[in-house]
Amino acid sequence: METEEVKQIIEAGIADCEAQVTADGGKYTTIVVSDEFEGKTLLAKQKMVYATVNEHIQSGAIHALTIKAYTKSEWAEQ
């Protein structure tokens, strides 16, 4: 699965988000920035992202996914 495809799936599944995706084989790392994460715990943010790609994880197309999720203001501080 191409990184651009993973990016598009995440961005389609979370309102008003921007995603950056890198890959090393079937292991992906993503940074997702969206105000939909406002007030949510780190675990809740990660669950939102996992929900968008879960079928691809279950099928084995995505072997592993590391998620860094931020609100727009949190991302601006990075």
N, C-alpha and C. Protein backbone atom coordinates (compact mmCIF):
# COMPACT_ATOMS: atom_id res chain seq x y z
N MET A 1 0.85 -1.17 0.00
CA MET A 1 0.00 0.00 0.00
C MET A 1 0.90 1.24 0.00
N GLU A 2 0.62 2.16 -0.89
CA GLU A 2 1.41 3.38 -1.01
C GLU A 2 1.10 4.38 0.10
N THR A 3 2.08 5.18 0.48
CA THR A 3 1.87 6.17 1.54
C THR A 3 0.79 7.17 1.18
N GLU A 4 0.72 7.55 -0.09
CA GLU A 4 -0.30 8.51 -0.53
C GLU A 4 -1.70 7.94 -0.34
N GLU A 5 -1.86 6.65 -0.56
CA GLU A 5 -3.16 6.01 -0.37
C GLU A 5 -3.56 6.01 1.11
N VAL A 6 -2.60 5.71 1.98
CA VAL A 6 -2.87 5.74 3.43
C VAL A 6 -3.24 7.16 3.86
N LYS A 7 -2.51 8.14 3.34
CA LYS A 7 -2.79 9.55 3.63
C LYS A 7 -4.21 9.92 3.24
N GLN A 8 -4.62 9.52 2.04
CA GLN A 8 -5.96 9.85 1.56
C GLN A 8 -7.05 9.19 2.40
N ILE A 9 -6.82 7.95 2.83
CA ILE A 9 -7.80 7.24 3.65
C ILE A 9 -7.97 7.96 4.99
N ILE A 10 -6.87 8.33 5.61
CA ILE A 10 -6.94 9.02 6.91
C ILE A 10 -7.64 10.37 6.75
N GLU A 11 -7.23 11.13 5.74
CA GLU A 11 -7.82 12.46 5.53
C GLU A 11 -9.30 12.38 5.19
N ALA A 12 -9.73 11.31 4.53
CA ALA A 12 -11.15 11.14 4.22
C ALA A 12 -11.95 10.76 5.46
N GLY A 13 -11.29 10.13 6.42
CA GLY A 13 -11.98 9.63 7.60
C GLY A 13 -12.05 10.57 8.78
N ILE A 14 -11.21 11.60 8.78
CA ILE A 14 -11.19 12.56 9.88
C ILE A 14 -11.40 13.95 9.30
N ALA A 15 -12.43 14.62 9.77
CA ALA A 15 -12.78 15.93 9.23
C ALA A 15 -11.65 16.93 9.37
N ASP A 16 -11.44 17.69 8.31
CA ASP A 16 -10.51 18.82 8.31
C ASP A 16 -9.15 18.43 8.88
N CYS A 17 -8.59 17.32 8.40
CA CYS A 17 -7.27 16.94 8.90
C CYS A 17 -6.24 16.98 7.79
N GLU A 18 -5.00 17.06 8.22
CA GLU A 18 -3.87 16.95 7.32
C GLU A 18 -3.02 15.80 7.85
N ALA A 19 -2.63 14.90 6.98
CA ALA A 19 -1.83 13.75 7.39
C ALA A 19 -0.53 13.70 6.59
N GLN A 20 0.53 13.32 7.28
CA GLN A 20 1.81 13.03 6.64
C GLN A 20 2.09 11.56 6.92
N VAL A 21 2.44 10.81 5.91
CA VAL A 21 2.65 9.37 6.08
C VAL A 21 4.00 9.00 5.47
N THR A 22 4.78 8.24 6.23
CA THR A 22 6.02 7.66 5.72
C THR A 22 5.93 6.16 5.94
N ALA A 23 6.73 5.41 5.19
CA ALA A 23 6.67 3.95 5.31
C ALA A 23 8.05 3.33 5.20
N ASP A 24 8.18 2.20 5.87
CA ASP A 24 9.35 1.35 5.76
C ASP A 24 8.80 -0.07 5.63
N GLY A 25 8.65 -0.53 4.40
CA GLY A 25 7.99 -1.81 4.16
C GLY A 25 6.52 -1.67 4.51
N GLY A 26 5.99 -2.56 5.34
CA GLY A 26 4.59 -2.48 5.75
C GLY A 26 4.39 -1.71 7.03
N LYS A 27 5.45 -1.07 7.52
CA LYS A 27 5.36 -0.29 8.76
C LYS A 27 5.25 1.19 8.41
N TYR A 28 4.17 1.79 8.86
CA TYR A 28 3.89 3.18 8.53
C TYR A 28 3.97 4.07 9.77
N THR A 29 4.37 5.31 9.54
CA THR A 29 4.36 6.33 10.58
C THR A 29 3.54 7.48 10.03
N THR A 30 2.62 7.99 10.84
CA THR A 30 1.80 9.10 10.39
C THR A 30 1.72 10.20 11.44
N ILE A 31 1.71 11.42 10.95
CA ILE A 31 1.42 12.59 11.77
C ILE A 31 0.10 13.12 11.26
N VAL A 32 -0.87 13.23 12.16
CA VAL A 32 -2.21 13.68 11.77
C VAL A 32 -2.54 14.92 12.60
N VAL A 33 -2.94 15.98 11.91
CA VAL A 33 -3.26 17.25 12.56
C VAL A 33 -4.71 17.60 12.25
N SER A 34 -5.51 17.75 13.31
CA SER A 34 -6.93 18.10 13.13
C SER A 34 -7.49 18.67 14.42
N ASP A 35 -8.34 19.66 14.29
CA ASP A 35 -9.03 20.19 15.47
C ASP A 35 -10.10 19.23 15.97
N GLU A 36 -10.39 18.15 15.23
CA GLU A 36 -11.30 17.11 15.72
C GLU A 36 -10.72 16.43 16.97
N PHE A 37 -9.42 16.58 17.18
CA PHE A 37 -8.76 15.98 18.34
C PHE A 37 -8.88 16.83 19.61
N GLU A 38 -9.41 18.02 19.47
CA GLU A 38 -9.51 18.96 20.61
C GLU A 38 -10.21 18.30 21.79
N GLY A 39 -9.56 18.35 22.96
CA GLY A 39 -10.14 17.83 24.19
C GLY A 39 -10.07 16.32 24.34
N LYS A 40 -9.45 15.64 23.38
CA LYS A 40 -9.37 14.18 23.44
C LYS A 40 -8.02 13.74 24.00
N THR A 41 -8.02 12.57 24.64
CA THR A 41 -6.77 12.00 25.15
C THR A 41 -5.95 11.47 23.99
N LEU A 42 -4.69 11.20 24.26
CA LEU A 42 -3.82 10.63 23.23
C LEU A 42 -4.40 9.32 22.71
N LEU A 43 -4.88 8.48 23.61
CA LEU A 43 -5.47 7.20 23.21
C LEU A 43 -6.69 7.40 22.32
N ALA A 44 -7.55 8.34 22.68
CA ALA A 44 -8.75 8.61 21.87
C ALA A 44 -8.37 9.11 20.48
N LYS A 45 -7.34 9.94 20.40
CA LYS A 45 -6.87 10.44 19.10
C LYS A 45 -6.38 9.27 18.24
N GLN A 46 -5.58 8.39 18.86
CA GLN A 46 -5.06 7.25 18.12
C GLN A 46 -6.17 6.32 17.65
N LYS A 47 -7.17 6.12 18.49
CA LYS A 47 -8.31 5.27 18.10
C LYS A 47 -9.04 5.84 16.90
N MET A 48 -9.16 7.17 16.85
CA MET A 48 -9.83 7.81 15.71
C MET A 48 -9.06 7.52 14.41
N VAL A 49 -7.74 7.60 14.48
CA VAL A 49 -6.93 7.35 13.29
C VAL A 49 -6.98 5.86 12.92
N TYR A 50 -6.81 4.99 13.92
CA TYR A 50 -6.89 3.55 13.64
C TYR A 50 -8.21 3.18 12.98
N ALA A 51 -9.30 3.78 13.40
CA ALA A 51 -10.61 3.46 12.85
C ALA A 51 -10.66 3.71 11.33
N THR A 52 -9.90 4.68 10.85
CA THR A 52 -9.93 4.99 9.42
C THR A 52 -9.21 3.93 8.59
N VAL A 53 -8.23 3.25 9.18
CA VAL A 53 -7.42 2.29 8.41
C VAL A 53 -7.55 0.86 8.92
N ASN A 54 -8.46 0.61 9.83
CA ASN A 54 -8.58 -0.69 10.47
C ASN A 54 -8.72 -1.85 9.48
N GLU A 55 -9.52 -1.67 8.43
CA GLU A 55 -9.71 -2.77 7.48
C GLU A 55 -8.39 -3.13 6.79
N HIS A 56 -7.52 -2.15 6.60
CA HIS A 56 -6.23 -2.39 5.93
C HIS A 56 -5.23 -3.04 6.90
N ILE A 57 -5.39 -2.75 8.18
CA ILE A 57 -4.57 -3.42 9.20
C ILE A 57 -5.00 -4.88 9.28
N GLN A 58 -6.30 -5.11 9.32
CA GLN A 58 -6.81 -6.48 9.42
C GLN A 58 -6.47 -7.32 8.19
N SER A 59 -6.42 -6.68 7.03
CA SER A 59 -6.10 -7.43 5.80
C SER A 59 -4.60 -7.69 5.67
N GLY A 60 -3.80 -7.00 6.48
CA GLY A 60 -2.35 -7.16 6.40
C GLY A 60 -1.67 -6.19 5.47
N ALA A 61 -2.43 -5.35 4.79
CA ALA A 61 -1.83 -4.35 3.90
C ALA A 61 -0.98 -3.36 4.69
N ILE A 62 -1.41 -3.08 5.91
CA ILE A 62 -0.63 -2.25 6.84
C ILE A 62 -0.23 -3.17 7.98
N HIS A 63 1.07 -3.39 8.11
CA HIS A 63 1.56 -4.30 9.14
C HIS A 63 1.61 -3.61 10.50
N ALA A 64 2.06 -2.37 10.52
CA ALA A 64 2.17 -1.61 11.77
C ALA A 64 1.96 -0.13 11.46
N LEU A 65 1.40 0.57 12.42
CA LEU A 65 1.13 2.00 12.24
C LEU A 65 1.48 2.75 13.51
N THR A 66 2.41 3.67 13.40
CA THR A 66 2.75 4.57 14.50
C THR A 66 2.03 5.88 14.25
N ILE A 67 1.31 6.35 15.26
CA ILE A 67 0.48 7.54 15.10
C ILE A 67 0.93 8.65 16.04
N LYS A 68 1.10 9.82 15.47
CA LYS A 68 1.31 11.03 16.24
C LYS A 68 0.17 11.96 15.84
N ALA A 69 -0.71 12.26 16.79
CA ALA A 69 -1.91 13.05 16.48
C ALA A 69 -1.91 14.33 17.30
N TYR A 70 -2.19 15.43 16.63
CA TYR A 70 -2.15 16.75 17.25
C TYR A 70 -3.34 17.60 16.82
N THR A 71 -3.74 18.51 17.69
CA THR A 71 -4.64 19.58 17.25
C THR A 71 -3.78 20.57 16.48
N LYS A 72 -4.40 21.49 15.79
CA LYS A 72 -3.63 22.49 15.04
C LYS A 72 -2.76 23.33 15.96
N SER A 73 -3.27 23.69 17.13
CA SER A 73 -2.47 24.49 18.06
C SER A 73 -1.31 23.68 18.64
N GLU A 74 -1.54 22.39 18.93
CA GLU A 74 -0.45 21.53 19.42
C GLU A 74 0.63 21.39 18.35
N TRP A 75 0.21 21.25 17.09
CA TRP A 75 1.16 21.09 16.01
C TRP A 75 1.99 22.35 15.82
N ALA A 76 1.36 23.51 15.99
CA ALA A 76 2.07 24.78 15.85
C ALA A 76 3.18 24.93 16.91
N GLU A 77 2.99 24.28 18.06
CA GLU A 77 3.99 24.34 19.12
C GLU A 77 5.16 23.38 18.88
N GLN A 78 5.00 22.44 17.96
CA GLN A 78 6.05 21.44 17.72
C GLN A 78 7.24 22.01 17.00
